[in-house]
Amino acid sequence: MGTVIAYLLMAAVVVLIALAYVSAQANARLRRVRSTEVLELLAIVVGRNLPLERSLGVRSNAGDAQGCYARLQRSLEAGTTLSYALQRGRFGVESSVLNALQAAERAGSLRTVLPALARDARCDLRARIQGRALPLWYPILMLAVLTAALTYTFVFVMPKLAEIGADFGIAMPTITQRVTEIVGWLLGVAPLVMGLVLLLVAGEVVVRLVRQKLRRYMPTPTDLLRYGLGPLRRIALPGRYATLARQLTVLHAGLRAGHTLDAAAKQAAAVDAYGRQGAVMAVWAERLRQGVPPRSAASAAGLPASFVRVLVQAEQGGDLESGLEWLQGYYQRLSVHWRQVIAGVLSPVLVVACALLVAACALALFMPLIALLEATVESVQ
């Protein structure tokens, strides 16, 4: 009985994790919509030199998210910075955007950086909405529900069928025995898998807290998995390209505001302040400050070859700002492309896996039932 309860608890945990994932995805989409809306509003207000607190007061009296805008207004009236007020407002603005705004506030380039970040957020939101035909949460939730149902079936139903079959002298079909063995093995390793997942999550949280405290880059367990295992590197590409695109957005806006290249690079490094891309950009900014030529500094820092080529063209007389603007769009399109590829591959794979799982378990369940019916008919005759 204790084993049965343990199996049922494992199934319940799987379903709860899937539901938590679905809820987190829905909440993340709502937060992206809200953060894009507030960034666009702030870009308009700051760009037109309108009174910020009064504009937010008007917005807090109409539409949804009134509480968020009211908190943002109160924070600004209390004298806090815009980046801190946005964080207190609970709009769900990404940490990279907050870091970029904080760096722009220190450098005095908020008027150019804020509209660029708003455009970048709108493009990212539009790409996420249009680029996913089949939501990834659907097959994940379906797989979790099937896992719970099959756990119940093979814990309660199959042993009864085996006992009835033994009474009639009928051996379980081969596919039933194999599926039962596989399900039993999976249920046996489920506690170990769940423990590893919990350790991974705990390690991720601890490392992120430590690097926020120390204010320097430290690889998280998921970073080690993504960059250490070859097949998983592609999964890290959308986030990497999106970070590069946002860094280039801030770099381009800083140059437009009249800052030097090393100062603009320092602002761009703040986008991913405690991540790998932020560390690379910070090294480039430091080498620029030391007087190293931009192309050599970028190559030594480990920036992509396309970035180095833009710098080479600028040294040969090209327009650096135009090159950076093109490169930002290039990496943004790459991020959208790889996000669509990964989602487009994972969704049908999970659906096919669910279909195969249902087919195998249905055969394993109905074949002994058919054998029992045939044996019952023969005993009656």
Protein backbone atom coordinates (compact mmCIF):
# COMPACT_ATOMS: atom_id res chain seq x y z
CA MET A 1 0.00 0.00 0.00
CA GLY A 2 2.89 2.35 0.74
CA THR A 3 4.30 1.77 -2.74
CA VAL A 4 0.94 2.59 -4.30
CA ILE A 5 0.72 5.83 -2.34
CA ALA A 6 4.26 6.76 -3.38
CA TYR A 7 3.41 6.16 -7.04
CA LEU A 8 0.26 8.26 -6.79
CA LEU A 9 2.18 11.04 -5.10
CA MET A 10 4.72 10.99 -7.95
CA ALA A 11 1.92 11.27 -10.48
CA ALA A 12 0.39 14.15 -8.54
CA VAL A 13 3.76 15.92 -8.44
CA VAL A 14 4.16 15.55 -12.21
CA VAL A 15 0.71 17.04 -12.84
CA LEU A 16 1.35 19.88 -10.40
CA ILE A 17 4.65 20.70 -12.08
CA ALA A 18 2.96 20.77 -15.48
CA LEU A 19 0.18 23.01 -14.17
CA ALA A 20 2.76 25.30 -12.58
CA TYR A 21 4.60 25.49 -15.91
CA VAL A 22 1.40 26.36 -17.78
CA SER A 23 0.48 29.00 -15.20
CA ALA A 24 3.98 30.48 -15.33
CA GLN A 25 3.85 30.70 -19.13
CA ALA A 26 0.47 32.47 -19.06
CA ASN A 27 1.69 34.85 -16.36
CA ALA A 28 4.90 35.54 -18.29
CA ARG A 29 2.92 36.47 -21.40
CA LEU A 30 0.74 38.87 -19.40
CA ARG A 31 3.82 40.44 -17.84
CA ARG A 32 5.45 40.86 -21.25
CA VAL A 33 2.34 42.67 -22.52
CA ARG A 34 2.27 44.95 -19.48
CA SER A 35 5.99 45.70 -19.59
CA THR A 36 5.81 46.54 -23.31
CA GLU A 37 2.86 48.87 -22.70
CA VAL A 38 4.56 50.76 -19.88
CA LEU A 39 7.84 51.09 -21.79
CA GLU A 40 6.03 52.54 -24.81
CA LEU A 41 4.12 54.98 -22.58
CA LEU A 42 7.30 56.09 -20.81
CA ALA A 43 9.11 56.49 -24.14
CA ILE A 44 6.37 58.82 -25.39
CA VAL A 45 6.27 60.83 -22.17
CA VAL A 46 10.05 61.20 -21.87
CA GLY A 47 10.53 61.83 -25.59
CA ARG A 48 7.99 64.69 -25.60
CA ASN A 49 9.13 66.17 -22.27
CA LEU A 50 5.71 65.68 -20.71
CA PRO A 51 5.31 65.71 -16.91
CA LEU A 52 5.95 62.11 -15.93
CA GLU A 53 4.05 61.91 -12.65
CA ARG A 54 0.98 63.66 -14.05
CA SER A 55 0.92 61.40 -17.11
CA LEU A 56 1.13 58.32 -14.94
CA GLY A 57 -1.63 59.69 -12.72
CA VAL A 58 -3.94 59.96 -15.72
CA ARG A 59 -3.05 56.44 -16.83
CA SER A 60 -3.59 55.01 -13.34
CA ASN A 61 -7.21 56.16 -13.45
CA ALA A 62 -8.11 54.28 -16.63
CA GLY A 63 -7.71 50.79 -18.06
CA ASP A 64 -6.22 47.73 -16.45
CA ALA A 65 -3.09 47.50 -14.30
CA GLN A 66 -4.21 50.62 -12.41
CA GLY A 67 -2.48 49.45 -9.24
CA CYS A 68 0.84 49.02 -11.07
CA TYR A 69 0.71 52.54 -12.51
CA ALA A 70 -0.32 53.97 -9.16
CA ARG A 71 2.69 52.31 -7.48
CA LEU A 72 4.94 53.61 -10.26
CA GLN A 73 3.61 57.14 -9.77
CA ARG A 74 4.07 57.03 -5.99
CA SER A 75 7.63 55.73 -6.33
CA LEU A 76 8.59 58.49 -8.74
CA GLU A 77 6.98 61.14 -6.55
CA ALA A 78 9.05 59.79 -3.65
CA GLY A 79 12.20 60.61 -5.62
CA THR A 80 13.29 57.16 -6.76
CA THR A 81 14.88 56.44 -10.12
CA LEU A 82 12.78 55.22 -13.03
CA SER A 83 14.41 51.79 -13.09
CA TYR A 84 13.76 51.25 -9.39
CA ALA A 85 10.19 52.57 -9.72
CA LEU A 86 9.50 50.15 -12.58
CA GLN A 87 10.75 47.29 -10.45
CA ARG A 88 8.51 48.37 -7.56
CA GLY A 89 5.57 48.79 -9.95
CA ARG A 90 5.47 45.03 -10.63
CA PHE A 91 5.03 45.39 -14.39
CA GLY A 92 7.19 42.33 -15.04
CA VAL A 93 9.88 44.31 -16.84
CA GLU A 94 12.84 42.03 -17.54
CA SER A 95 15.96 42.49 -15.46
CA SER A 96 18.01 43.18 -18.61
CA VAL A 97 15.75 46.15 -19.44
CA LEU A 98 15.95 47.44 -15.86
CA ASN A 99 19.74 47.16 -15.92
CA ALA A 100 19.88 49.01 -19.24
CA LEU A 101 17.63 51.79 -17.89
CA GLN A 102 19.76 52.08 -14.78
CA ALA A 103 22.91 52.43 -16.88
CA ALA A 104 21.18 54.99 -19.14
CA GLU A 105 20.11 57.02 -16.09
CA ARG A 106 23.69 57.14 -14.85
CA ALA A 107 24.97 58.12 -18.30
CA GLY A 108 22.21 60.63 -19.06
CA SER A 109 21.04 58.85 -22.23
CA LEU A 110 17.58 57.83 -21.06
CA ARG A 111 15.82 59.81 -23.82
CA THR A 112 17.49 57.76 -26.55
CA VAL A 113 17.72 54.39 -24.77
CA LEU A 114 14.10 54.23 -23.58
CA PRO A 115 12.45 54.44 -27.07
CA ALA A 116 14.91 51.86 -28.39
CA LEU A 117 14.09 49.45 -25.57
CA ALA A 118 10.36 50.01 -26.14
CA ARG A 119 10.69 49.18 -29.85
CA ASP A 120 12.76 46.12 -29.00
CA ALA A 121 10.14 44.92 -26.50
CA ARG A 122 7.31 45.41 -29.01
CA CYS A 123 9.17 43.48 -31.72
CA ASP A 124 9.93 40.65 -29.30
CA LEU A 125 6.31 40.48 -28.14
CA ARG A 126 4.99 40.46 -31.72
CA ALA A 127 7.41 37.69 -32.67
CA ARG A 128 6.39 35.56 -29.69
CA ILE A 129 2.68 35.95 -30.50
CA GLN A 130 2.96 35.30 -34.23
CA GLY A 131 5.71 32.72 -34.22
CA ARG A 132 4.14 29.85 -32.28
CA ALA A 133 1.32 27.99 -34.02
CA LEU A 134 1.03 25.23 -31.42
CA PRO A 135 1.62 26.33 -27.82
CA LEU A 136 4.37 24.30 -26.19
CA TRP A 137 2.45 24.03 -22.94
CA TYR A 138 -0.30 21.95 -24.56
CA PRO A 139 1.73 18.78 -25.25
CA ILE A 140 3.55 19.17 -21.94
CA LEU A 141 0.28 19.31 -20.00
CA MET A 142 -1.13 16.43 -22.06
CA LEU A 143 1.95 14.33 -21.38
CA ALA A 144 1.69 15.03 -17.65
CA VAL A 145 -1.99 14.06 -17.52
CA LEU A 146 -1.28 10.87 -19.48
CA THR A 147 1.53 10.04 -17.08
CA ALA A 148 -0.81 10.38 -14.11
CA ALA A 149 -3.55 8.32 -15.79
CA LEU A 150 -1.16 5.57 -16.84
CA THR A 151 0.35 5.48 -13.38
CA TYR A 152 -3.11 4.85 -11.95
CA THR A 153 -3.81 2.21 -14.61
CA PHE A 154 -0.66 0.21 -14.09
CA VAL A 155 -0.75 0.49 -10.31
CA PHE A 156 -4.38 -0.52 -9.79
CA VAL A 157 -5.81 -2.08 -12.96
CA MET A 158 -3.00 -4.22 -14.34
CA PRO A 159 -2.38 -6.20 -11.13
CA LYS A 160 -6.09 -7.10 -11.05
CA LEU A 161 -5.99 -8.23 -14.67
CA ALA A 162 -2.92 -10.32 -13.92
CA GLU A 163 -4.70 -12.03 -11.01
CA ILE A 164 -7.81 -12.74 -13.13
CA GLY A 165 -5.63 -14.04 -15.94
CA ALA A 166 -3.81 -16.36 -13.53
CA ASP A 167 -7.17 -17.76 -12.38
CA PHE A 168 -8.04 -18.63 -15.98
CA GLY A 169 -4.56 -19.89 -16.70
CA ILE A 170 -3.84 -17.09 -19.19
CA ALA A 171 -0.41 -15.50 -19.36
CA MET A 172 -0.20 -11.77 -19.95
CA PRO A 173 0.68 -10.84 -23.55
CA THR A 174 4.29 -9.90 -24.28
CA ILE A 175 3.54 -6.24 -24.95
CA THR A 176 1.66 -6.01 -21.65
CA GLN A 177 4.59 -7.47 -19.76
CA ARG A 178 7.07 -5.15 -21.48
CA VAL A 179 5.01 -2.02 -20.92
CA THR A 180 4.43 -2.98 -17.30
CA GLU A 181 8.18 -3.47 -16.81
CA ILE A 182 8.97 -0.12 -18.45
CA VAL A 183 6.35 1.75 -16.41
CA GLY A 184 7.58 0.09 -13.24
CA TRP A 185 11.15 1.06 -14.03
CA LEU A 186 10.14 4.66 -14.76
CA LEU A 187 8.18 4.87 -11.54
CA GLY A 188 11.15 3.45 -9.70
CA VAL A 189 13.57 6.11 -10.99
CA ALA A 190 10.99 8.91 -10.64
CA PRO A 191 12.13 9.88 -7.10
CA LEU A 192 15.74 10.16 -8.31
CA VAL A 193 14.73 12.31 -11.28
CA MET A 194 12.56 14.54 -9.12
CA GLY A 195 15.43 14.93 -6.65
CA LEU A 196 17.85 15.91 -9.43
CA VAL A 197 15.37 18.46 -10.78
CA LEU A 198 14.92 19.97 -7.32
CA LEU A 199 18.71 20.13 -6.85
CA LEU A 200 19.05 21.85 -10.23
CA VAL A 201 16.41 24.43 -9.34
CA ALA A 202 17.95 25.02 -5.92
CA GLY A 203 21.42 25.40 -7.44
CA GLU A 204 20.06 27.85 -10.02
CA VAL A 205 18.47 30.01 -7.32
CA VAL A 206 21.55 29.93 -5.07
CA VAL A 207 23.99 30.84 -7.85
CA ARG A 208 21.81 33.70 -9.07
CA LEU A 209 21.55 35.10 -5.53
CA VAL A 210 25.31 34.78 -5.00
CA ARG A 211 26.25 36.49 -8.25
CA GLN A 212 23.77 39.29 -7.54
CA LYS A 213 25.49 39.72 -4.18
CA LEU A 214 29.04 39.56 -5.56
CA ARG A 215 28.09 41.53 -8.72
CA ARG A 216 30.10 39.36 -11.10
CA TYR A 217 29.43 36.62 -13.61
CA MET A 218 29.08 33.05 -12.34
CA PRO A 219 27.75 30.18 -14.50
CA THR A 220 24.53 28.64 -13.24
CA PRO A 221 23.82 24.88 -13.45
CA THR A 222 21.59 25.42 -16.49
CA ASP A 223 24.37 27.45 -18.14
CA LEU A 224 26.75 24.54 -17.62
CA LEU A 225 24.21 22.13 -19.09
CA ARG A 226 23.41 24.27 -22.10
CA TYR A 227 26.99 25.22 -22.97
CA GLY A 228 28.56 21.94 -21.87
CA LEU A 229 26.33 19.50 -23.76
CA GLY A 230 26.48 19.83 -27.53
CA PRO A 231 22.83 19.01 -28.41
CA LEU A 232 21.58 21.51 -25.83
CA ARG A 233 23.62 24.42 -27.17
CA ARG A 234 20.98 25.20 -29.76
CA ILE A 235 18.43 25.65 -26.98
CA ALA A 236 20.58 28.48 -25.58
CA LEU A 237 20.79 30.32 -28.91
CA PRO A 238 17.49 32.28 -28.73
CA GLY A 239 18.36 33.78 -25.35
CA ARG A 240 21.93 34.53 -26.42
CA TYR A 241 20.88 36.26 -29.63
CA ALA A 242 18.13 38.19 -27.85
CA THR A 243 20.66 39.44 -25.29
CA LEU A 244 23.06 40.50 -28.05
CA ALA A 245 20.26 42.33 -29.85
CA ARG A 246 19.32 44.22 -26.70
CA GLN A 247 22.96 45.05 -25.97
CA LEU A 248 23.33 46.43 -29.50
CA THR A 249 20.15 48.45 -29.02
CA VAL A 250 21.64 50.14 -25.95
CA LEU A 251 25.06 50.53 -27.63
CA HIS A 252 23.49 52.20 -30.68
CA ALA A 253 21.34 54.47 -28.49
CA GLY A 254 24.38 55.47 -26.43
CA LEU A 255 26.32 56.46 -29.54
CA ARG A 256 23.33 58.45 -30.80
CA ALA A 257 23.26 60.27 -27.45
CA GLY A 258 26.85 61.43 -28.10
CA HIS A 259 28.74 59.07 -25.80
CA THR A 260 32.09 57.60 -26.64
CA LEU A 261 32.30 53.98 -27.76
CA ASP A 262 33.74 52.71 -24.46
CA ALA A 263 31.03 54.53 -22.43
CA ALA A 264 28.28 53.16 -24.69
CA ALA A 265 29.80 49.68 -24.43
CA LYS A 266 29.77 49.94 -20.65
CA GLN A 267 26.05 50.77 -20.80
CA ALA A 268 25.47 47.80 -23.10
CA ALA A 269 27.29 45.49 -20.68
CA ALA A 270 24.75 46.43 -18.01
CA VAL A 271 21.97 44.75 -20.02
CA ASP A 272 23.28 41.32 -19.00
CA ALA A 273 25.08 42.55 -15.92
CA TYR A 274 25.67 39.17 -14.27
CA GLY A 275 25.47 36.91 -17.34
CA ARG A 276 27.97 35.58 -19.84
CA GLN A 277 27.19 38.12 -22.57
CA GLY A 278 27.44 40.95 -20.07
CA ALA A 279 30.89 39.74 -19.00
CA VAL A 280 32.05 39.63 -22.63
CA MET A 281 30.76 43.15 -23.34
CA ALA A 282 32.31 44.44 -20.11
CA VAL A 283 35.73 43.07 -21.17
CA TRP A 284 35.37 44.83 -24.52
CA ALA A 285 34.44 48.11 -22.80
CA GLU A 286 37.45 47.85 -20.47
CA ARG A 287 39.85 47.19 -23.35
CA LEU A 288 38.42 50.16 -25.22
CA ARG A 289 39.01 52.31 -22.16
CA GLN A 290 42.62 51.13 -22.12
CA GLY A 291 43.09 52.37 -25.70
CA VAL A 292 42.95 49.06 -27.56
CA PRO A 293 41.51 49.41 -31.11
CA PRO A 294 37.83 48.40 -31.25
CA ARG A 295 38.37 45.51 -33.67
CA SER A 296 41.23 43.98 -31.67
CA ALA A 297 39.40 44.52 -28.39
CA ALA A 298 36.26 42.82 -29.74
CA SER A 299 38.21 39.81 -31.01
CA ALA A 300 40.06 39.45 -27.70
CA ALA A 301 36.84 39.75 -25.70
CA GLY A 302 35.15 36.97 -27.68
CA LEU A 303 32.45 38.97 -29.44
CA PRO A 304 30.90 37.35 -32.54
CA ALA A 305 32.59 37.58 -35.93
CA SER A 306 29.70 39.58 -37.39
CA PHE A 307 30.21 42.21 -34.69
CA VAL A 308 33.92 42.37 -35.50
CA ARG A 309 33.16 42.80 -39.23
CA VAL A 310 30.94 45.81 -38.47
CA LEU A 311 33.82 47.36 -36.53
CA VAL A 312 36.20 46.63 -39.42
CA GLN A 313 33.87 48.38 -41.85
CA ALA A 314 33.65 51.34 -39.49
CA GLU A 315 37.46 51.57 -39.42
CA GLN A 316 37.45 51.56 -43.22
CA GLY A 317 35.12 54.56 -43.36
CA GLY A 318 31.71 52.97 -42.88
CA ASP A 319 28.96 54.29 -40.63
CA LEU A 320 29.24 52.56 -37.27
CA GLU A 321 25.75 53.52 -36.11
CA SER A 322 24.11 52.12 -39.25
CA GLY A 323 26.15 48.94 -38.95
CA LEU A 324 25.13 48.47 -35.33
CA GLU A 325 21.49 49.13 -36.18
CA TRP A 326 21.58 46.48 -38.92
CA LEU A 327 23.39 44.04 -36.63
CA GLN A 328 20.77 44.55 -33.90
CA GLY A 329 18.00 43.63 -36.32
CA TYR A 330 20.01 40.66 -37.55
CA TYR A 331 20.39 39.19 -34.06
CA GLN A 332 16.78 39.92 -33.23
CA ARG A 333 15.66 38.00 -36.32
CA LEU A 334 18.03 35.17 -35.42
CA SER A 335 16.53 34.99 -31.94
CA VAL A 336 13.01 34.82 -33.36
CA HIS A 337 14.08 32.23 -35.94
CA TRP A 338 15.66 29.86 -33.43
CA ARG A 339 12.78 30.30 -31.00
CA GLN A 340 10.37 29.28 -33.74
CA VAL A 341 12.56 26.36 -34.81
CA ILE A 342 12.86 24.96 -31.30
CA ALA A 343 9.16 25.40 -30.55
CA GLY A 344 8.25 23.99 -33.97
CA VAL A 345 10.36 20.89 -33.36
CA LEU A 346 9.50 20.24 -29.73
CA SER A 347 5.73 20.58 -30.08
CA PRO A 348 5.17 17.83 -32.71
CA VAL A 349 7.78 15.61 -31.06
CA LEU A 350 5.90 15.78 -27.78
CA VAL A 351 2.56 15.17 -29.53
CA VAL A 352 3.94 12.11 -31.35
CA ALA A 353 5.44 10.86 -28.08
CA CYS A 354 2.03 11.18 -26.42
CA ALA A 355 0.36 9.31 -29.30
CA LEU A 356 2.88 6.46 -29.17
CA LEU A 357 2.53 6.26 -25.40
CA VAL A 358 -1.26 6.07 -25.63
CA ALA A 359 -1.11 3.43 -28.41
CA ALA A 360 1.35 1.21 -26.56
CA CYS A 361 -0.54 1.40 -23.28
CA ALA A 362 -3.90 0.84 -25.00
CA LEU A 363 -2.57 -2.33 -26.61
CA ALA A 364 -1.05 -3.43 -23.32
CA LEU A 365 -4.40 -2.90 -21.59
CA PHE A 366 -6.87 -4.25 -24.17
CA MET A 367 -4.98 -7.35 -25.31
CA PRO A 368 -5.30 -9.09 -21.91
CA LEU A 369 -8.97 -8.00 -21.78
CA ILE A 370 -9.58 -9.63 -25.15
CA ALA A 371 -7.78 -12.77 -24.01
CA LEU A 372 -9.92 -12.87 -20.85
CA LEU A 373 -13.13 -12.46 -22.86
CA GLU A 374 -12.13 -15.28 -25.18
CA ALA A 375 -11.32 -17.52 -22.22
CA THR A 376 -14.69 -16.67 -20.63
CA VAL A 377 -16.56 -17.52 -23.82
CA GLU A 378 -14.70 -20.80 -24.16
CA SER A 379 -15.47 -21.75 -20.53
CA VAL A 380 -19.20 -21.06 -21.09
CA GLN A 381 -19.32 -23.13 -24.27
